[in-house]
C-alpha atoms as a PDB file:
ATOM      1  CA  UNK A   1      83.311 154.643 112.129  1.00  0.00           C
ATOM      2  CA  UNK A   2      80.714 157.147 113.387  1.00  0.00           C
ATOM      3  CA  UNK A   3      82.291 159.787 115.789  1.00  0.00           C
ATOM      4  CA  UNK A   4      79.066 160.099 117.941  1.00  0.00           C
ATOM      5  CA  UNK A   5      78.775 156.277 118.269  1.00  0.00           C
ATOM      6  CA  UNK A   6      82.369 156.047 119.371  1.00  0.00           C
ATOM      7  CA  UNK A   7      81.991 158.924 121.842  1.00  0.00           C
ATOM      8  CA  UNK A   8      78.787 157.375 123.214  1.00  0.00           C
ATOM      9  CA  UNK A   9      80.224 153.921 123.282  1.00  0.00           C
ATOM     10  CA  UNK A  10      83.335 155.143 125.171  1.00  0.00           C
ATOM     11  CA  UNK A  11      81.129 156.831 127.786  1.00  0.00           C
ATOM     12  CA  UNK A  12      79.089 153.794 128.111  1.00  0.00           C
ATOM     13  CA  UNK A  13      82.260 151.735 128.978  1.00  0.00           C
ATOM     14  CA  UNK A  14      83.297 154.347 131.506  1.00  0.00           C
ATOM     15  CA  UNK A  15      80.006 154.133 132.943  1.00  0.00           C
ATOM     16  CA  UNK A  16      79.990 150.421 132.910  1.00  0.00           C
ATOM     17  CA  UNK A  17      83.346 150.267 134.837  1.00  0.00           C
ATOM     18  CA  UNK A  18      81.333 151.591 137.808  1.00  0.00           C
ATOM     19  CA  UNK A  19      79.527 148.071 138.089  1.00  0.00           C
ATOM     20  CA  UNK A  20      77.634 145.283 136.622  1.00  0.00           C
ATOM     21  CA  UNK A  21      74.166 147.158 137.361  1.00  0.00           C
ATOM     22  CA  UNK A  22      74.810 149.723 134.656  1.00  0.00           C
ATOM     23  CA  UNK A  23      75.378 146.917 132.129  1.00  0.00           C
ATOM     24  CA  UNK A  24      72.212 145.353 132.884  1.00  0.00           C
ATOM     25  CA  UNK A  25      70.554 148.935 132.561  1.00  0.00           C
ATOM     26  CA  UNK A  26      72.157 149.336 129.130  1.00  0.00           C
ATOM     27  CA  UNK A  27      70.927 146.013 127.735  1.00  0.00           C
ATOM     28  CA  UNK A  28      67.269 146.932 129.103  1.00  0.00           C
ATOM     29  CA  UNK A  29      67.930 150.403 127.497  1.00  0.00           C
ATOM     30  CA  UNK A  30      68.748 148.868 124.099  1.00  0.00           C
ATOM     31  CA  UNK A  31      65.902 146.379 124.275  1.00  0.00           C
ATOM     32  CA  UNK A  32      63.505 149.265 124.891  1.00  0.00           C
ATOM     33  CA  UNK A  33      64.420 150.811 121.829  1.00  0.00           C
ATOM     34  CA  UNK A  34      66.808 153.225 123.437  1.00  0.00           C
ATOM     35  CA  UNK A  35      64.018 154.846 125.566  1.00  0.00           C
ATOM     36  CA  UNK A  36      63.710 155.145 129.347  1.00  0.00           C
ATOM     37  CA  UNK A  37      66.716 155.009 131.765  1.00  0.00           C
ATOM     38  CA  UNK A  38      67.183 158.929 131.837  1.00  0.00           C
ATOM     39  CA  UNK A  39      71.010 158.809 132.361  1.00  0.00           C
ATOM     40  CA  UNK A  40      71.670 156.776 129.081  1.00  0.00           C
ATOM     41  CA  UNK A  41      68.910 158.696 127.089  1.00  0.00           C
ATOM     42  CA  UNK A  42      70.545 162.059 128.221  1.00  0.00           C
ATOM     43  CA  UNK A  43      74.039 160.618 127.300  1.00  0.00           C
ATOM     44  CA  UNK A  44      72.736 159.538 123.816  1.00  0.00           C
ATOM     45  CA  UNK A  45      71.267 162.983 123.239  1.00  0.00           C
ATOM     46  CA  UNK A  46      74.287 164.598 124.312  1.00  0.00           C
ATOM     47  CA  UNK A  47      76.588 162.607 122.034  1.00  0.00           C
ATOM     48  CA  UNK A  48      74.314 162.831 118.994  1.00  0.00           C
ATOM     49  CA  UNK A  49      73.565 166.601 119.450  1.00  0.00           C
ATOM     50  CA  UNK A  50      69.882 166.042 120.384  1.00  0.00           C
ATOM     51  CA  UNK A  51      67.863 168.136 122.473  1.00  0.00           C
ATOM     52  CA  UNK A  52      64.752 167.486 124.425  1.00  0.00           C
ATOM     53  CA  UNK A  53      62.321 165.563 122.130  1.00  0.00           C
ATOM     54  CA  UNK A  54      59.045 167.103 121.633  1.00  0.00           C
ATOM     55  CA  UNK A  55      56.046 165.210 120.208  1.00  0.00           C
ATOM     56  CA  UNK A  56      56.070 165.318 116.434  1.00  0.00           C
ATOM     57  CA  UNK A  57      59.788 166.166 116.381  1.00  0.00           C
ATOM     58  CA  UNK A  58      61.186 162.555 116.232  1.00  0.00           C
ATOM     59  CA  UNK A  59      62.891 162.588 112.982  1.00  0.00           C
ATOM     60  CA  UNK A  60      66.136 163.691 114.339  1.00  0.00           C
ATOM     61  CA  UNK A  61      65.798 161.084 117.101  1.00  0.00           C
ATOM     62  CA  UNK A  62      65.053 158.442 114.384  1.00  0.00           C
ATOM     63  CA  UNK A  63      68.226 159.559 112.199  1.00  0.00           C
ATOM     64  CA  UNK A  64      70.563 159.369 115.297  1.00  0.00           C
ATOM     65  CA  UNK A  65      69.051 155.972 116.244  1.00  0.00           C
ATOM     66  CA  UNK A  66      69.541 154.551 112.695  1.00  0.00           C
ATOM     67  CA  UNK A  67      73.045 156.011 112.714  1.00  0.00           C
ATOM     68  CA  UNK A  68      73.686 154.344 116.014  1.00  0.00           C
ATOM     69  CA  UNK A  69      72.119 150.993 115.034  1.00  0.00           C
ATOM     70  CA  UNK A  70      74.447 151.047 111.770  1.00  0.00           C
ATOM     71  CA  UNK A  71      77.488 151.782 113.845  1.00  0.00           C
ATOM     72  CA  UNK A  72      76.661 149.355 116.550  1.00  0.00           C
ATOM     73  CA  UNK A  73      76.057 146.589 113.891  1.00  0.00           C
ATOM     74  CA  UNK A  74      79.592 147.437 112.475  1.00  0.00           C
ATOM     75  CA  UNK A  75      81.133 147.405 115.819  1.00  0.00           C
ATOM     76  CA  UNK A  76      79.627 143.936 116.691  1.00  0.00           C
ATOM     77  CA  UNK A  77      80.829 142.755 113.336  1.00  0.00           C
ATOM     78  CA  UNK A  78      84.204 143.995 113.967  1.00  0.00           C
ATOM     79  CA  UNK A  79      84.207 142.038 117.342  1.00  0.00           C
ATOM     80  CA  UNK A  80      83.054 138.897 115.473  1.00  0.00           C
ATOM     81  CA  UNK A  81      79.533 139.020 117.146  1.00  0.00           C
ATOM     82  CA  UNK A  82      76.209 138.331 115.670  1.00  0.00           C
ATOM     83  CA  UNK A  83      73.077 139.848 116.808  1.00  0.00           C
ATOM     84  CA  UNK A  84      70.736 137.724 118.695  1.00  0.00           C
ATOM     85  CA  UNK A  85      67.883 138.300 116.017  1.00  0.00           C
ATOM     86  CA  UNK A  86      70.253 137.284 113.317  1.00  0.00           C
ATOM     87  CA  UNK A  87      71.372 134.280 115.208  1.00  0.00           C
ATOM     88  CA  UNK A  88      67.788 133.164 115.861  1.00  0.00           C
ATOM     89  CA  UNK A  89      66.855 133.662 112.114  1.00  0.00           C
ATOM     90  CA  UNK A  90      69.965 131.437 111.133  1.00  0.00           C
ATOM     91  CA  UNK A  91      69.071 128.899 113.774  1.00  0.00           C
ATOM     92  CA  UNK A  92      65.489 128.627 112.464  1.00  0.00           C
ATOM     93  CA  UNK A  93      66.745 128.322 108.959  1.00  0.00           C
ATOM     94  CA  UNK A  94      69.134 125.585 110.004  1.00  0.00           C
ATOM     95  CA  UNK A  95      66.301 123.641 111.552  1.00  0.00           C
ATOM     96  CA  UNK A  96      64.348 123.957 108.382  1.00  0.00           C
ATOM     97  CA  UNK A  97      67.320 122.688 106.258  1.00  0.00           C
ATOM     98  CA  UNK A  98      67.819 119.768 108.693  1.00  0.00           C
ATOM     99  CA  UNK A  99      64.292 118.817 108.383  1.00  0.00           C
ATOM    100  CA  UNK A 100      64.345 119.123 104.708  1.00  0.00           C
ATOM    101  CA  UNK A 101      67.650 117.020 104.601  1.00  0.00           C
ATOM    102  CA  UNK A 102      65.939 114.231 106.693  1.00  0.00           C
ATOM    103  CA  UNK A 103      62.964 114.186 104.315  1.00  0.00           C
ATOM    104  CA  UNK A 104      65.215 114.048 101.231  1.00  0.00           C
ATOM    105  CA  UNK A 105      67.373 111.297 102.689  1.00  0.00           C
ATOM    106  CA  UNK A 106      64.300 109.314 103.602  1.00  0.00           C
ATOM    107  CA  UNK A 107      63.037 109.814  99.925  1.00  0.00           C
ATOM    108  CA  UNK A 108      66.467 108.605  98.706  1.00  0.00           C
ATOM    109  CA  UNK A 109      66.371 105.520 100.740  1.00  0.00           C
ATOM    110  CA  UNK A 110      62.889 104.861  99.562  1.00  0.00           C
ATOM    111  CA  UNK A 111      63.898 105.370  95.892  1.00  0.00           C
ATOM    112  CA  UNK A 112      67.082 103.221  96.487  1.00  0.00           C
ATOM    113  CA  UNK A 113      64.892 100.416  97.888  1.00  0.00           C
ATOM    114  CA  UNK A 114      62.347 100.621  94.977  1.00  0.00           C
ATOM    115  CA  UNK A 115      65.299 100.576  92.444  1.00  0.00           C
ATOM    116  CA  UNK A 116      66.921  97.534  94.204  1.00  0.00           C
ATOM    117  CA  UNK A 117      63.261  95.684  93.922  1.00  0.00           C
ATOM    118  CA  UNK A 118      63.013  96.764  90.351  1.00  0.00           C
ATOM    119  CA  UNK A 119      66.564  95.250  89.480  1.00  0.00           C
ATOM    120  CA  UNK A 120      65.587  92.065  91.269  1.00  0.00           C
ATOM    121  CA  UNK A 121      62.250  91.922  89.329  1.00  0.00           C
ATOM    122  CA  UNK A 122      64.193  92.753  85.975  1.00  0.00           C
ATOM    123  CA  UNK A 123      66.658  89.954  86.843  1.00  0.00           C
ATOM    124  CA  UNK A 124      63.802  87.467  87.362  1.00  0.00           C
ATOM    125  CA  UNK A 125      62.389  88.661  83.861  1.00  0.00           C
ATOM    126  CA  UNK A 126      65.684  87.978  82.226  1.00  0.00           C
ATOM    127  CA  UNK A 127      65.995  84.495  83.661  1.00  0.00           C
ATOM    128  CA  UNK A 128      62.344  83.750  82.670  1.00  0.00           C
ATOM    129  CA  UNK A 129      63.169  84.919  79.301  1.00  0.00           C
ATOM    130  CA  UNK A 130      66.314  82.779  78.989  1.00  0.00           C
ATOM    131  CA  UNK A 131      64.422  79.765  80.457  1.00  0.00           C
ATOM    132  CA  UNK A 132      61.788  80.448  77.631  1.00  0.00           C
ATOM    133  CA  UNK A 133      64.407  80.577  75.002  1.00  0.00           C
ATOM    134  CA  UNK A 134      65.938  77.370  76.299  1.00  0.00           C
ATOM    135  CA  UNK A 135      62.647  75.409  76.212  1.00  0.00           C
ATOM    136  CA  UNK A 136      61.748  76.809  72.656  1.00  0.00           C
ATOM    137  CA  UNK A 137      65.211  75.627  71.606  1.00  0.00           C
ATOM    138  CA  UNK A 138      64.697  72.188  72.916  1.00  0.00           C
ATOM    139  CA  UNK A 139      61.278  71.942  71.486  1.00  0.00           C
ATOM    140  CA  UNK A 140      62.591  73.250  68.153  1.00  0.00           C
ATOM    141  CA  UNK A 141      65.508  70.795  68.328  1.00  0.00           C
ATOM    142  CA  UNK A 142      62.983  67.694  69.028  1.00  0.00           C
ATOM    143  CA  UNK A 143      60.799  69.044  66.099  1.00  0.00           C
ATOM    144  CA  UNK A 144      63.824  68.978  63.686  1.00  0.00           C
ATOM    145  CA  UNK A 145      64.804  65.600  64.969  1.00  0.00           C
ATOM    146  CA  UNK A 146      61.302  64.298  64.398  1.00  0.00           C
ATOM    147  CA  UNK A 147      61.085  65.908  61.002  1.00  0.00           C
ATOM    148  CA  UNK A 148      64.398  64.497  59.957  1.00  0.00           C
ATOM    149  CA  UNK A 149      63.534  60.978  61.173  1.00  0.00           C
ATOM    150  CA  UNK A 150      60.092  61.297  59.294  1.00  0.00           C
ATOM    151  CA  UNK A 151      61.825  62.204  56.088  1.00  0.00           C
ATOM    152  CA  UNK A 152      64.525  59.580  56.307  1.00  0.00           C
ATOM    153  CA  UNK A 153      62.158  56.872  57.655  1.00  0.00           C
ATOM    154  CA  UNK A 154      63.944  55.800  60.624  1.00  0.00           C
END
């Protein structure tokens, strides 16, 4: 893990041991993009070997900040924590998937109802066809009987 990150984080914990106010200030400092709150900024600059930042010379600051962000994410990951932004993104994705699931379940219910209605209609067609065959068989039998009687003269 990044040596400067560990040094900075160790100093933050020592600093935080002095009271909750400092932890609140740390959260504010991180939320402000690691700017403001002179004590924390000075500690960060000292740990990362940064001097006073002059306009136009922010590349060293940005590199240190990127290094800190990478180490901080690794540290949070090691603790099993998820950054709030990732949590919010996953929560939004979950909501989207829940809505999609509900829509798909509704469509599935509709298709099942249509299939059941189709099967019932298909059953009606089959029984209608069977009745038609039965009637035709009876009529053919009657025709055959009449033809037979006509031929035999009875």
